[in-house]
Each structure stands twice: as structure tokens, then as C-alpha cells.
N, C-alpha and C. Protein backbone atom coordinates (compact mmCIF):
# COMPACT_ATOMS: atom_id res chain seq x y z
N MET A 1 0.78 -0.99 -0.22
CA MET A 1 0.23 0.18 0.07
C MET A 1 0.82 1.05 0.05
N LYS A 2 1.75 1.02 1.10
CA LYS A 2 2.56 2.25 0.92
C LYS A 2 3.27 2.70 -0.45
N THR A 3 3.71 1.52 -1.11
CA THR A 3 4.86 1.57 -2.46
C THR A 3 3.41 2.52 -3.64
N ASN A 4 2.47 2.01 -3.82
CA ASN A 4 1.63 2.37 -4.24
C ASN A 4 1.11 3.51 -4.01
N SER A 5 0.99 4.21 -2.72
CA SER A 5 0.93 5.50 -2.63
C SER A 5 2.06 6.34 -3.47
N ILE A 6 3.21 5.87 -3.10
CA ILE A 6 3.99 7.01 -3.54
C ILE A 6 3.92 6.73 -5.72
N PHE A 7 3.63 5.22 -5.90
CA PHE A 7 3.10 5.74 -7.38
C PHE A 7 2.72 6.47 -7.90
N LYS A 8 1.41 6.78 -6.74
CA LYS A 8 -0.09 7.50 -6.99
C LYS A 8 0.54 9.16 -7.12
N LYS A 9 1.39 9.36 -6.04
CA LYS A 9 2.07 11.00 -5.89
C LYS A 9 2.90 11.39 -7.65
N LEU A 10 3.28 10.14 -7.59
CA LEU A 10 5.06 10.67 -8.16
C LEU A 10 4.01 11.04 -10.14
N ALA A 11 2.74 10.32 -9.84
CA ALA A 11 1.38 9.96 -11.36
C ALA A 11 1.19 11.34 -11.05
N LEU A 12 0.61 11.94 -10.20
CA LEU A 12 -0.07 13.21 -10.26
C LEU A 12 0.87 14.37 -10.05
N ALA A 13 1.90 14.16 -9.83
CA ALA A 13 3.15 15.40 -9.78
C ALA A 13 3.71 15.54 -11.83
N PHE A 14 3.71 14.52 -12.42
CA PHE A 14 4.11 14.21 -13.52
C PHE A 14 2.84 14.83 -14.42
N CYS A 15 1.86 14.42 -14.46
CA CYS A 15 0.56 15.36 -14.61
C CYS A 15 0.61 16.47 -14.78
N ALA A 16 0.47 16.79 -13.14
CA ALA A 16 0.48 18.58 -13.19
C ALA A 16 1.45 18.87 -13.94
N LEU A 17 2.91 18.53 -13.77
CA LEU A 17 3.92 19.41 -14.58
C LEU A 17 3.76 19.10 -16.51
N ALA A 18 3.13 18.29 -16.53
CA ALA A 18 2.62 17.67 -18.46
C ALA A 18 1.74 19.06 -18.76
N MET A 19 0.40 19.16 -17.71
CA MET A 19 -0.66 20.26 -18.31
C MET A 19 0.16 21.47 -18.13
N PHE A 20 0.46 21.59 -17.15
CA PHE A 20 1.68 22.94 -17.17
C PHE A 20 2.07 23.12 -18.73
N ALA A 21 3.36 22.16 -18.81
CA ALA A 21 4.40 22.14 -20.23
C ALA A 21 2.74 22.75 -21.18
N THR A 22 1.87 22.26 -21.07
CA THR A 22 1.22 21.96 -22.16
C THR A 22 0.52 23.90 -22.52
N GLN A 23 0.10 24.42 -21.14
CA GLN A 23 -0.63 25.39 -21.22
C GLN A 23 0.27 26.32 -21.64
N SER A 24 1.94 26.11 -21.20
CA SER A 24 2.69 27.39 -21.27
C SER A 24 3.75 27.06 -23.10
N TYR A 25 3.22 26.39 -23.70
CA TYR A 25 4.02 26.35 -24.86
C TYR A 25 2.94 25.23 -26.10
N ALA A 26 2.11 25.51 -26.08
CA ALA A 26 0.85 25.50 -27.21
C ALA A 26 1.43 24.46 -28.58
N GLN A 27 2.56 25.14 -28.70
CA GLN A 27 3.50 24.78 -29.91
C GLN A 27 4.51 23.84 -29.48
N TRP A 28 5.02 22.60 -29.87
CA TRP A 28 6.10 22.45 -30.00
C TRP A 28 7.23 23.31 -30.77
N ASP A 29 8.69 23.10 -30.06
CA ASP A 29 9.54 23.92 -30.16
C ASP A 29 10.74 22.66 -30.55
N SER A 30 10.95 22.86 -31.65
CA SER A 30 12.14 21.65 -31.63
C SER A 30 13.43 22.11 -31.31
N GLN A 31 13.88 23.13 -30.90
CA GLN A 31 15.01 23.86 -30.84
C GLN A 31 15.02 24.04 -29.52
N LYS A 32 14.11 23.23 -28.79
CA LYS A 32 14.31 23.52 -27.22
C LYS A 32 14.61 21.91 -26.95
N ALA A 33 14.33 20.84 -27.72
CA ALA A 33 14.50 19.61 -27.55
C ALA A 33 15.92 19.06 -27.46
N HIS A 34 16.35 18.48 -27.06
CA HIS A 34 17.85 17.73 -26.88
C HIS A 34 17.62 16.39 -26.68
N LEU A 35 18.96 15.68 -26.79
CA LEU A 35 19.08 14.40 -26.38
C LEU A 35 20.62 14.56 -25.95
N ILE A 36 20.76 13.80 -25.02
CA ILE A 36 21.53 13.56 -24.08
C ILE A 36 22.34 11.94 -24.36
N VAL A 37 23.55 11.53 -24.68
CA VAL A 37 23.78 10.30 -24.62
C VAL A 37 24.72 10.27 -23.70
N ASP A 38 25.62 9.36 -22.97
CA ASP A 38 26.32 9.19 -21.68
C ASP A 38 26.98 7.70 -21.41
N TRP A 39 28.11 7.67 -21.62
CA TRP A 39 28.69 6.74 -20.75
C TRP A 39 28.83 6.52 -19.03
N GLN A 40 28.73 5.93 -18.89
CA GLN A 40 28.25 5.72 -17.57
C GLN A 40 28.97 4.37 -16.81
N MET A 41 29.77 5.03 -15.33
CA MET A 41 30.49 4.55 -14.51
C MET A 41 29.87 4.35 -13.24
N ASN A 42 29.75 3.28 -12.43
CA ASN A 42 28.53 2.93 -11.38
C ASN A 42 29.45 2.11 -10.51
N ALA A 43 29.40 2.53 -9.17
CA ALA A 43 29.87 1.38 -8.12
C ALA A 43 28.54 1.22 -6.48
N PRO A 44 28.36 0.09 -6.92
CA PRO A 44 27.37 -0.08 -5.82
C PRO A 44 28.01 0.37 -4.07
N VAL A 45 27.43 0.61 -3.61
CA VAL A 45 27.60 0.86 -1.74
C VAL A 45 26.20 0.39 -0.79
N SER A 46 25.15 -1.09 -1.50
CA SER A 46 24.63 -0.61 -0.48
C SER A 46 24.71 -2.71 -0.33
N THR A 47 25.53 -3.22 -0.77
CA THR A 47 25.51 -4.83 -1.35
C THR A 47 26.97 -5.19 -1.42
N ASP A 48 27.49 -6.44 -1.31
CA ASP A 48 28.25 -6.59 -1.87
C ASP A 48 28.43 -7.80 -2.60
N PHE A 49 26.95 -8.43 -3.08
CA PHE A 49 27.29 -9.13 -4.47
C PHE A 49 27.66 -8.74 -5.00
N ALA A 50 28.02 -7.89 -5.67
CA ALA A 50 28.93 -7.62 -7.11
C ALA A 50 29.04 -5.71 -6.98
N ASP A 51 29.98 -5.76 -5.86
CA ASP A 51 30.54 -4.72 -5.42
C ASP A 51 31.68 -3.42 -5.96
N LYS A 52 32.03 -4.32 -7.83
CA LYS A 52 33.12 -3.42 -8.13
C LYS A 52 32.79 -2.57 -8.72
N ILE A 53 33.55 -1.44 -8.83
CA ILE A 53 33.11 -0.09 -9.35
C ILE A 53 33.08 -0.64 -11.43
N SER A 54 31.96 -0.20 -12.09
CA SER A 54 32.38 -0.88 -13.76
C SER A 54 32.31 0.43 -14.53
N GLY A 55 32.26 0.52 -15.67
CA GLY A 55 32.22 1.23 -16.54
C GLY A 55 31.03 0.63 -17.67
N TRP A 56 30.62 -0.82 -17.55
CA TRP A 56 29.55 -1.21 -18.02
C TRP A 56 28.33 -1.04 -18.56
N GLY A 57 28.11 0.67 -18.99
CA GLY A 57 26.98 1.06 -18.73
C GLY A 57 26.63 2.41 -19.77
N MET A 58 25.21 2.72 -19.57
CA MET A 58 24.95 3.75 -20.66
C MET A 58 23.54 4.95 -20.26
N ASN A 59 23.82 5.77 -20.37
CA ASN A 59 23.02 6.87 -19.99
C ASN A 59 21.94 6.99 -21.25
N PHE A 60 20.41 7.53 -21.41
CA PHE A 60 20.23 7.68 -22.84
C PHE A 60 18.92 9.18 -22.33
N GLU A 61 18.93 10.04 -22.18
CA GLU A 61 18.01 10.66 -21.56
C GLU A 61 17.13 11.96 -22.92
N GLY A 62 16.02 12.50 -23.16
CA GLY A 62 15.59 13.37 -23.75
C GLY A 62 14.87 14.46 -22.96
N LEU A 63 15.31 15.98 -23.24
CA LEU A 63 15.15 16.77 -22.46
C LEU A 63 13.98 17.89 -23.08
N TYR A 64 13.47 18.58 -22.87
CA TYR A 64 12.55 19.53 -23.45
C TYR A 64 12.93 21.01 -22.54
N GLU A 65 12.90 21.95 -22.39
CA GLU A 65 13.80 23.46 -22.02
C GLU A 65 12.11 23.68 -22.18
N LEU A 66 11.06 23.86 -20.69
CA LEU A 66 10.50 24.66 -20.31
C LEU A 66 10.33 26.11 -20.45
N THR A 67 11.58 26.51 -20.15
CA THR A 67 12.29 27.80 -19.73
C THR A 67 13.62 27.85 -19.94
N PRO A 68 14.37 28.89 -19.88
CA PRO A 68 15.99 28.35 -20.14
C PRO A 68 16.27 27.93 -18.76
N ARG A 69 15.55 28.06 -17.60
CA ARG A 69 16.38 27.10 -16.40
C ARG A 69 15.64 25.63 -16.11
N TRP A 70 14.66 26.03 -16.30
CA TRP A 70 13.97 24.36 -16.78
C TRP A 70 13.75 23.52 -17.37
N SER A 71 14.15 22.38 -17.25
CA SER A 71 13.33 21.30 -18.73
C SER A 71 13.06 19.97 -17.71
N VAL A 72 12.07 19.42 -18.52
CA VAL A 72 11.99 18.22 -18.53
C VAL A 72 11.93 16.91 -19.21
N GLY A 73 12.10 15.54 -19.18
CA GLY A 73 11.54 14.65 -19.95
C GLY A 73 12.07 13.33 -19.73
N ALA A 74 12.29 12.47 -20.56
CA ALA A 74 12.60 11.30 -19.99
C ALA A 74 13.84 10.17 -19.93
N PHE A 75 14.24 9.48 -19.46
CA PHE A 75 15.17 8.96 -19.27
C PHE A 75 15.21 7.13 -19.69
N ILE A 76 16.68 6.46 -19.83
CA ILE A 76 16.61 4.71 -19.49
C ILE A 76 17.76 4.68 -19.68
N ASN A 77 18.25 4.09 -18.85
CA ASN A 77 19.84 3.95 -18.81
C ASN A 77 19.89 2.16 -18.32
N PHE A 78 21.14 2.10 -18.43
CA PHE A 78 21.54 0.33 -17.87
C PHE A 78 22.94 0.64 -17.27
N HIS A 79 23.28 -0.71 -16.65
CA HIS A 79 24.49 -1.16 -15.94
C HIS A 79 24.54 -2.36 -15.21
N THR A 80 25.95 -2.83 -15.38
CA THR A 80 26.05 -4.43 -15.23
C THR A 80 27.41 -4.29 -14.10
N ASN A 81 27.20 -4.76 -13.22
CA ASN A 81 28.61 -5.10 -12.59
C ASN A 81 29.08 -6.54 -11.61
N HIS A 82 29.95 -6.74 -11.84
CA HIS A 82 30.74 -7.85 -11.50
C HIS A 82 31.43 -7.74 -9.88
N LYS A 83 31.71 -9.76 -9.64
CA LYS A 83 32.52 -9.77 -8.70
C LYS A 83 32.92 -11.41 -8.96
N TYR A 84 34.14 -11.52 -8.48
CA TYR A 84 34.25 -12.94 -8.46
C TYR A 84 34.71 -13.10 -7.16
N ILE A 85 34.55 -14.56 -7.12
CA ILE A 85 34.68 -15.16 -5.37
C ILE A 85 35.07 -16.24 -5.85
N GLY A 86 36.20 -16.75 -5.23
CA GLY A 86 37.49 -17.74 -4.99
C GLY A 86 36.47 -18.97 -4.52
N ARG A 87 36.78 -20.39 -4.87
CA ARG A 87 36.74 -21.49 -4.20
C ARG A 87 36.34 -21.50 -2.77
N GLN A 88 35.40 -21.67 -2.45
CA GLN A 88 34.60 -22.19 -1.04
C GLN A 88 33.55 -22.87 -0.90
N THR A 89 33.23 -23.00 0.12
CA THR A 89 32.07 -24.28 0.36
C THR A 89 30.94 -23.34 1.15
N LEU A 90 29.94 -23.33 0.15
CA LEU A 90 28.60 -22.98 0.79
C LEU A 90 27.73 -23.83 1.00
N GLN A 91 27.42 -23.54 2.70
CA GLN A 91 25.86 -24.53 3.20
C GLN A 91 24.73 -24.04 2.90
N LEU A 92 24.18 -24.00 1.86
CA LEU A 92 22.94 -23.96 1.48
C LEU A 92 21.73 -24.28 2.40
N SER A 93 21.85 -25.18 3.15
CA SER A 93 20.65 -25.51 3.95
C SER A 93 21.53 -27.26 5.08
N PRO A 94 20.66 -27.11 6.20
CA PRO A 94 21.78 -27.91 6.94
C PRO A 94 22.12 -29.45 6.00
N THR A 95 21.41 -29.77 5.58
CA THR A 95 21.93 -31.38 4.57
C THR A 95 22.39 -31.05 3.50
N GLU A 96 23.00 -29.44 3.01
CA GLU A 96 23.23 -29.25 1.37
C GLU A 96 24.25 -28.31 1.46
N ALA A 97 25.47 -28.75 0.85
CA ALA A 97 26.80 -27.90 0.99
C ALA A 97 26.95 -27.83 -0.79
N LEU A 98 27.33 -27.14 -1.30
CA LEU A 98 28.11 -26.67 -2.46
C LEU A 98 29.59 -25.72 -2.73
N THR A 99 30.75 -26.76 -2.93
CA THR A 99 32.02 -26.12 -2.83
C THR A 99 32.30 -25.95 -4.79
N THR A 100 32.69 -24.77 -4.73
CA THR A 100 32.77 -24.06 -6.07
C THR A 100 32.92 -22.53 -6.07
N ASP A 101 33.48 -22.05 -6.72
CA ASP A 101 34.21 -20.55 -6.72
C ASP A 101 32.87 -19.78 -7.79
N GLN A 102 32.07 -18.74 -7.64
CA GLN A 102 31.04 -17.58 -8.13
C GLN A 102 32.28 -16.05 -9.48
N GLN A 103 31.29 -16.41 -10.24
CA GLN A 103 31.12 -15.24 -10.83
C GLN A 103 29.56 -14.64 -10.59
N ARG A 104 29.50 -13.41 -10.39
CA ARG A 104 28.63 -12.43 -10.37
C ARG A 104 27.99 -11.19 -11.28
N SER A 105 27.18 -11.04 -11.68
CA SER A 105 26.61 -10.47 -12.08
C SER A 105 25.52 -9.83 -11.53
N ALA A 106 25.39 -7.56 -11.63
CA ALA A 106 24.51 -7.68 -11.16
C ALA A 106 23.70 -6.72 -12.02
N TYR A 107 22.40 -6.60 -13.01
CA TYR A 107 22.33 -6.11 -14.25
C TYR A 107 21.27 -4.69 -13.80
N GLN A 108 21.32 -4.01 -14.43
CA GLN A 108 19.81 -2.56 -13.53
C GLN A 108 19.68 -1.82 -14.84
N LEU A 109 18.74 -1.99 -14.99
CA LEU A 109 17.44 -1.21 -16.32
C LEU A 109 16.45 -0.47 -16.01
N PRO A 110 16.93 1.08 -15.09
CA PRO A 110 15.95 2.27 -14.54
C PRO A 110 15.23 3.16 -16.27
N PHE A 111 14.23 3.26 -16.07
CA PHE A 111 14.15 4.50 -17.00
C PHE A 111 12.77 5.10 -15.98
N GLY A 112 12.60 6.16 -16.91
CA GLY A 112 10.99 7.29 -15.96
C GLY A 112 11.34 8.46 -16.66
N ALA A 113 11.22 9.41 -15.73
CA ALA A 113 10.67 10.60 -15.98
C ALA A 113 12.19 11.45 -15.26
N SER A 114 12.40 13.11 -15.81
CA SER A 114 13.42 13.79 -15.50
C SER A 114 13.35 14.85 -15.06
N VAL A 115 13.63 15.78 -14.63
CA VAL A 115 13.54 17.47 -14.01
C VAL A 115 14.85 17.58 -13.93
N SER A 116 15.22 19.01 -14.48
CA SER A 116 16.87 19.56 -13.80
C SER A 116 16.39 21.05 -14.20
N TYR A 117 17.16 22.03 -13.30
CA TYR A 117 17.31 23.30 -12.72
C TYR A 117 18.57 23.64 -13.13
N ASN A 118 18.88 24.33 -13.98
CA ASN A 118 20.00 25.19 -14.20
C ASN A 118 20.26 26.35 -13.41
N LEU A 119 21.33 26.03 -12.32
CA LEU A 119 22.07 26.75 -11.12
C LEU A 119 22.68 28.02 -12.00
N TYR A 120 22.78 28.30 -13.70
CA TYR A 120 23.42 29.36 -13.73
C TYR A 120 23.18 29.13 -15.27
N ASN A 121 22.53 29.88 -15.73
CA ASN A 121 21.88 29.95 -17.44
C ASN A 121 23.72 30.62 -18.23
N GLY A 122 24.71 30.48 -18.00
CA GLY A 122 25.93 30.65 -18.76
C GLY A 122 25.79 30.49 -20.90
N ARG A 123 26.42 31.25 -21.36
CA ARG A 123 26.34 31.06 -22.65
C ARG A 123 27.45 29.94 -22.93
N TYR A 124 28.80 29.51 -21.95
CA TYR A 124 29.30 28.24 -22.44
C TYR A 124 29.07 27.12 -21.66
N VAL A 125 29.36 27.76 -20.30
CA VAL A 125 28.85 26.32 -18.61
C VAL A 125 27.54 26.62 -18.56
N LYS A 126 26.59 25.39 -18.08
CA LYS A 126 25.52 25.56 -17.49
C LYS A 126 25.18 24.28 -16.21
N PRO A 127 25.92 24.93 -15.20
CA PRO A 127 25.61 23.72 -13.88
C PRO A 127 24.16 23.65 -13.35
N TYR A 128 23.76 22.60 -13.19
CA TYR A 128 22.32 22.34 -12.88
C TYR A 128 22.39 21.36 -11.65
N VAL A 129 21.67 20.99 -11.55
CA VAL A 129 20.71 19.74 -10.13
C VAL A 129 19.67 19.20 -10.87
N GLY A 130 19.34 17.93 -10.82
CA GLY A 130 18.30 16.96 -11.27
C GLY A 130 17.85 16.34 -10.82
N VAL A 131 17.07 15.70 -11.05
CA VAL A 131 16.40 14.08 -10.48
C VAL A 131 15.71 13.29 -11.54
N LYS A 132 16.13 12.20 -11.03
CA LYS A 132 15.05 10.80 -12.05
C LYS A 132 14.30 9.48 -11.31
N LEU A 133 13.16 10.13 -11.82
CA LEU A 133 12.05 9.03 -10.97
C LEU A 133 11.30 8.19 -11.86
N GLY A 134 11.37 6.91 -11.65
CA GLY A 134 10.88 5.75 -12.03
C GLY A 134 10.63 4.40 -11.84
N ALA A 135 10.76 3.30 -12.48
CA ALA A 135 10.73 2.05 -12.48
C ALA A 135 12.02 1.62 -12.58
N ALA A 136 12.67 0.17 -12.20
CA ALA A 136 14.18 -0.24 -12.35
C ALA A 136 13.63 -1.71 -12.28
N PHE A 137 14.10 -2.35 -13.26
CA PHE A 137 14.65 -4.06 -13.17
C PHE A 137 15.52 -4.11 -12.96
N THR A 138 15.84 -5.27 -11.90
CA THR A 138 17.30 -5.75 -12.34
C THR A 138 17.24 -7.26 -12.33
N ARG A 139 18.36 -7.68 -12.35
CA ARG A 139 18.48 -9.44 -12.24
C ARG A 139 19.80 -9.64 -11.75
N TYR A 140 20.27 -9.92 -11.00
CA TYR A 140 21.08 -11.04 -9.83
C TYR A 140 21.43 -12.29 -10.47
N THR A 141 22.56 -12.35 -10.68
CA THR A 141 22.70 -13.55 -11.52
C THR A 141 24.19 -14.49 -10.87
N THR A 142 24.16 -15.54 -10.56
CA THR A 142 25.44 -16.16 -10.12
C THR A 142 25.84 -17.33 -10.85
N TYR A 143 27.18 -17.21 -11.34
CA TYR A 143 27.64 -18.57 -12.27
C TYR A 143 28.88 -19.00 -11.14
N TYR A 144 28.23 -20.80 -11.80
CA TYR A 144 29.14 -21.26 -10.99
C TYR A 144 29.49 -22.64 -11.68
N GLY A 145 30.16 -23.17 -11.94
CA GLY A 145 30.55 -24.83 -12.55
C GLY A 145 30.01 -24.48 -13.85
N THR A 146 29.34 -25.18 -14.10
CA THR A 146 28.74 -25.31 -15.20
C THR A 146 27.43 -24.84 -15.78
N GLY A 147 26.97 -24.18 -14.12
CA GLY A 147 25.76 -23.72 -14.19
C GLY A 147 25.39 -22.43 -13.54
N GLY A 148 24.45 -21.89 -13.57
CA GLY A 148 24.40 -21.14 -12.47
C GLY A 148 22.70 -20.61 -12.25
N VAL A 149 22.45 -19.34 -10.82
CA VAL A 149 21.21 -19.53 -10.71
C VAL A 149 20.37 -17.85 -11.22
N TYR A 150 19.59 -17.41 -10.94
CA TYR A 150 19.81 -15.80 -10.83
C TYR A 150 17.97 -15.34 -9.89
N ASP A 151 17.82 -14.53 -10.25
CA ASP A 151 16.85 -14.13 -9.78
C ASP A 151 16.29 -12.41 -10.18
N ASP A 152 15.19 -11.75 -10.83
CA ASP A 152 14.79 -10.65 -11.31
C ASP A 152 13.70 -10.54 -10.76
N GLY A 153 13.13 -8.79 -10.78
CA GLY A 153 12.78 -7.80 -10.13
C GLY A 153 12.27 -6.53 -10.62
N TRP A 154 11.49 -5.72 -10.00
CA TRP A 154 10.71 -4.43 -10.68
C TRP A 154 10.77 -3.89 -8.74
N GLY A 155 11.42 -2.43 -8.95
CA GLY A 155 10.88 -1.64 -8.21
C GLY A 155 11.26 -0.14 -8.54
N PHE A 156 10.60 0.53 -7.32
CA PHE A 156 10.58 1.95 -7.80
C PHE A 156 12.50 2.86 -7.77
N TYR A 157 12.70 3.54 -8.17
CA TYR A 157 13.73 4.19 -8.82
C TYR A 157 13.83 5.59 -8.25
N ALA A 158 14.92 6.58 -7.44
CA ALA A 158 15.14 7.84 -7.55
C ALA A 158 16.76 7.91 -7.64
N SER A 159 17.30 9.10 -8.23
CA SER A 159 18.04 9.38 -8.80
C SER A 159 18.18 11.09 -8.67
N PRO A 160 18.85 11.54 -7.69
CA PRO A 160 19.25 13.09 -7.76
C PRO A 160 20.76 13.08 -8.33
N GLU A 161 21.15 14.49 -9.44
CA GLU A 161 22.10 14.61 -9.78
C GLU A 161 22.77 15.86 -10.35
N LEU A 162 24.09 15.64 -9.89
CA LEU A 162 24.94 17.30 -10.33
C LEU A 162 25.70 17.28 -11.36
N GLY A 163 25.57 18.36 -12.09
CA GLY A 163 25.88 18.24 -13.74
C GLY A 163 26.09 19.28 -14.05
N LEU A 164 27.02 19.41 -15.23
CA LEU A 164 27.70 20.36 -16.02
C LEU A 164 27.13 19.83 -17.81
N LYS A 165 26.79 21.27 -18.28
CA LYS A 165 26.41 21.45 -19.44
C LYS A 165 27.40 22.23 -20.55
N ILE A 166 27.98 21.50 -21.33
CA ILE A 166 29.35 22.52 -21.54
C ILE A 166 29.31 23.10 -23.58
N TYR A 167 28.91 24.07 -23.66
CA TYR A 167 28.78 24.03 -24.95
C TYR A 167 30.23 25.13 -25.74
N PRO A 168 30.75 24.29 -26.40
CA PRO A 168 32.33 24.95 -27.00
C PRO A 168 31.70 26.25 -27.82
N SER A 169 30.78 26.28 -28.45
CA SER A 169 29.84 27.36 -29.71
C SER A 169 28.67 27.88 -28.24
N PRO A 170 28.88 29.20 -28.31
CA PRO A 170 27.37 29.29 -27.45
C PRO A 170 26.21 29.25 -28.56
N TYR A 171 24.97 29.19 -28.07
CA TYR A 171 23.80 28.91 -28.90
C TYR A 171 23.72 28.45 -30.00
N ARG A 172 24.65 26.94 -29.55
CA ARG A 172 24.39 25.64 -30.51
C ARG A 172 23.70 24.44 -29.66
N ARG A 173 23.23 23.73 -30.43
CA ARG A 173 22.61 22.25 -29.96
C ARG A 173 23.75 21.77 -29.10
N PHE A 174 25.27 21.19 -30.23
CA PHE A 174 25.90 20.63 -29.69
C PHE A 174 26.90 20.74 -28.42
N GLY A 175 27.20 20.09 -28.13
CA GLY A 175 27.79 20.10 -26.37
C GLY A 175 28.28 18.40 -25.49
N PHE A 176 29.00 18.85 -24.23
CA PHE A 176 29.30 17.96 -23.33
C PHE A 176 28.49 17.99 -22.14
N HIS A 177 28.56 16.93 -22.01
CA HIS A 177 27.37 16.50 -20.85
C HIS A 177 28.85 15.89 -19.24
N ILE A 178 28.84 15.92 -18.31
CA ILE A 178 29.51 15.77 -17.20
C ILE A 178 28.29 15.52 -15.91
N ALA A 179 28.36 14.45 -15.45
CA ALA A 179 27.68 14.38 -14.49
C ALA A 179 27.66 13.38 -13.19
N GLY A 180 27.71 13.80 -11.32
CA GLY A 180 27.44 12.98 -10.63
C GLY A 180 26.20 12.45 -10.03
N TYR A 181 25.97 11.20 -9.93
CA TYR A 181 24.57 11.21 -9.10
C TYR A 181 24.70 9.61 -8.15
N TYR A 182 23.70 10.06 -7.31
CA TYR A 182 23.39 8.50 -6.21
C TYR A 182 22.37 7.88 -6.72
N ASN A 183 21.84 6.88 -6.82
CA ASN A 183 20.32 6.35 -7.11
C ASN A 183 20.12 4.92 -6.18
N TYR A 184 19.47 4.94 -5.63
CA TYR A 184 18.17 3.63 -4.83
C TYR A 184 17.13 3.44 -5.70
N MET A 185 17.23 1.79 -5.12
CA MET A 185 16.31 1.01 -6.05
C MET A 185 15.75 0.34 -4.92
N THR A 186 14.36 0.14 -4.91
CA THR A 186 13.45 -0.77 -4.05
C THR A 186 13.34 -2.40 -4.60
N ASN A 187 14.21 -2.71 -5.09
CA ASN A 187 14.21 -3.82 -5.76
C ASN A 187 14.58 -4.85 -4.46
N GLU A 188 13.80 -6.21 -4.61
CA GLU A 188 14.39 -7.10 -3.20
C GLU A 188 14.30 -8.21 -4.42
N MET A 189 15.80 -9.12 -3.63
CA MET A 189 16.18 -10.34 -4.82
C MET A 189 17.05 -11.21 -3.61
N SER A 190 16.79 -12.67 -4.48
CA SER A 190 17.62 -13.45 -3.43
C SER A 190 18.35 -14.58 -4.14
N THR A 191 19.31 -13.93 -3.66
CA THR A 191 21.18 -15.33 -4.22
C THR A 191 21.23 -16.33 -3.69
N LEU A 192 22.05 -16.74 -3.83
CA LEU A 192 22.75 -18.19 -4.18
C LEU A 192 22.81 -17.91 -2.39
N THR A 193 23.43 -16.97 -1.90
CA THR A 193 23.89 -16.86 -0.54
C THR A 193 23.47 -15.77 0.08
N GLY A 194 22.32 -15.65 0.21
CA GLY A 194 21.67 -14.42 0.67
C GLY A 194 20.53 -13.34 0.08
N ASP A 195 19.61 -13.20 0.63
CA ASP A 195 18.71 -12.18 -0.17
C ASP A 195 19.50 -10.67 -0.07
N VAL A 196 18.47 -10.09 -0.77
CA VAL A 196 19.08 -8.44 -1.20
C VAL A 196 17.89 -7.39 -1.30
N THR A 197 18.02 -6.54 -0.20
CA THR A 197 16.98 -5.58 -0.06
C THR A 197 17.21 -4.38 -0.14
N GLY A 198 17.37 -3.24 -1.51
CA GLY A 198 16.84 -2.61 -1.87
C GLY A 198 18.71 -2.47 -2.37
N GLN A 199 19.06 -1.78 -3.47
CA GLN A 199 20.06 -1.28 -3.80
C GLN A 199 20.36 0.46 -4.46
N SER A 200 21.84 0.84 -3.34
CA SER A 200 22.50 2.07 -3.83
C SER A 200 23.36 1.77 -4.24
N ASN A 201 23.24 3.47 -5.43
CA ASN A 201 24.79 3.16 -6.28
C ASN A 201 25.31 4.23 -6.04
N VAL A 202 26.63 4.96 -6.58
CA VAL A 202 27.15 6.14 -7.03
C VAL A 202 27.86 6.12 -8.28
N GLY A 203 28.02 7.20 -8.88
CA GLY A 203 28.70 6.94 -10.35
C GLY A 203 28.86 8.60 -10.73
N PHE A 204 29.38 8.15 -12.25
CA PHE A 204 29.38 9.85 -12.74
C PHE A 204 28.88 9.11 -14.11
N ARG A 205 28.48 10.13 -14.95
CA ARG A 205 28.26 10.34 -16.42
C ARG A 205 29.41 11.07 -17.34
N LEU A 206 29.58 10.96 -18.18
CA LEU A 206 30.54 11.61 -19.33
C LEU A 206 29.30 11.30 -20.54
N GLY A 207 29.28 12.37 -21.37
CA GLY A 207 28.47 12.26 -22.82
C GLY A 207 28.17 13.38 -23.50
N VAL A 208 28.00 13.42 -24.73
CA VAL A 208 27.33 14.50 -25.40
C VAL A 208 25.88 14.87 -25.73
N ILE A 209 25.96 16.16 -26.10
CA ILE A 209 24.33 16.72 -25.70
C ILE A 209 24.21 17.01 -27.78
N PHE A 210 23.01 16.87 -28.08
CA PHE A 210 22.71 17.15 -29.10
C PHE A 210 21.25 18.09 -29.08
């Protein structure tokens, strides 16, 4: 019930923002629409299942400038973190044990809505704060021997970020993007050695703006 309440509040806020945008801009202006494509570095901070920092990720985001300072849009990104565990004996139950090494992989696929605010609307550099809200799909996989086990699920996703939009030539569409972020997912997963409740990450993104 608590999760449903959060989703309802998010939906109402997004609808209100969409109505404001529709009333303020009756006609679409393509010059105010932008696409951001980022390479992503990510480090899990709330679990030791696959806690190694990884660059196996990308972020895609479409933004529309409601005002010179406010932008809204949609995003989707993905990331995979890995961890190798040496050979050990795992006690699976009072009567079962498994001796093996492990290759662990944690895959994340969040998507949803985003909003950002330019702290300074400069000609060349625009520092901003933003937040991404939506849903996240995750899959945790443990490979061992000739087989493996996995569990996947869905949860709520929230991610504040702080970044810079850099334009080599003012008033041009092309630019560079740098951002640091934190995210949290409510996903619950069962693994070979225990359960994981929630997932947090920190990281940064480097990309281009079109």
C-alpha cells in the first residue's frame, strides 16, 4: 500500500507538470529539445553481491526546455557490475553444501521521467541539479561450475544528480555533459548466498548533447 501511494503521488506530480508545459507551450519547438548520450561509471554501495566499480553502462535522456532554467524529459539507462569469488564451501541448508567459485553479475535497467534546473544559465557552461524518478528492473546472476542461478524483479527508482552542460560554441545545440549521481532502487532479490533488499549506487556520466 505504501509503494502504491508513492507511485500515485509521482503520477499526479508528472501530470501536473505536463499540464503546465502544455498550457505554457501550445506549439512544439524542436530547438528546445535535446538528446543526451552518456557513458556511465557505477559503484554499488549498499551490497557486497557485486560491489566492484564498473564502466559497463550507458545513459540516454531526452530533454525539453520549458524555460531557460527548467527542463523536463524521459530517460533510460543500463548498467552491469561484476564480482569474482574464489573457491569456497557454501552451506545451502542443514543437509546441503556446495564447493565452488562464483562469478556474480548485477544488471540494472531503470527508466522514467526526469527534471533539471540550471543553477546558472551561462553561454558556455550551465551547471544544474536534477532528479530522475521511475521504475527499475534488476537481475542478479551467480555463475558456478557449468550452471548458475538468477533472480529478477521490479522496484521504484530515485536518483538525484549534479552536473554540467558545456557548449564550445554558445547558442549551438552540440555540447558535452558531465554529471555525478546517486541512485536508490527498492528491488528485492534472492541470491545463492542470501537476500538483497534495496540497491544503492554512486557514479558519474560523461557524454554529449545534441
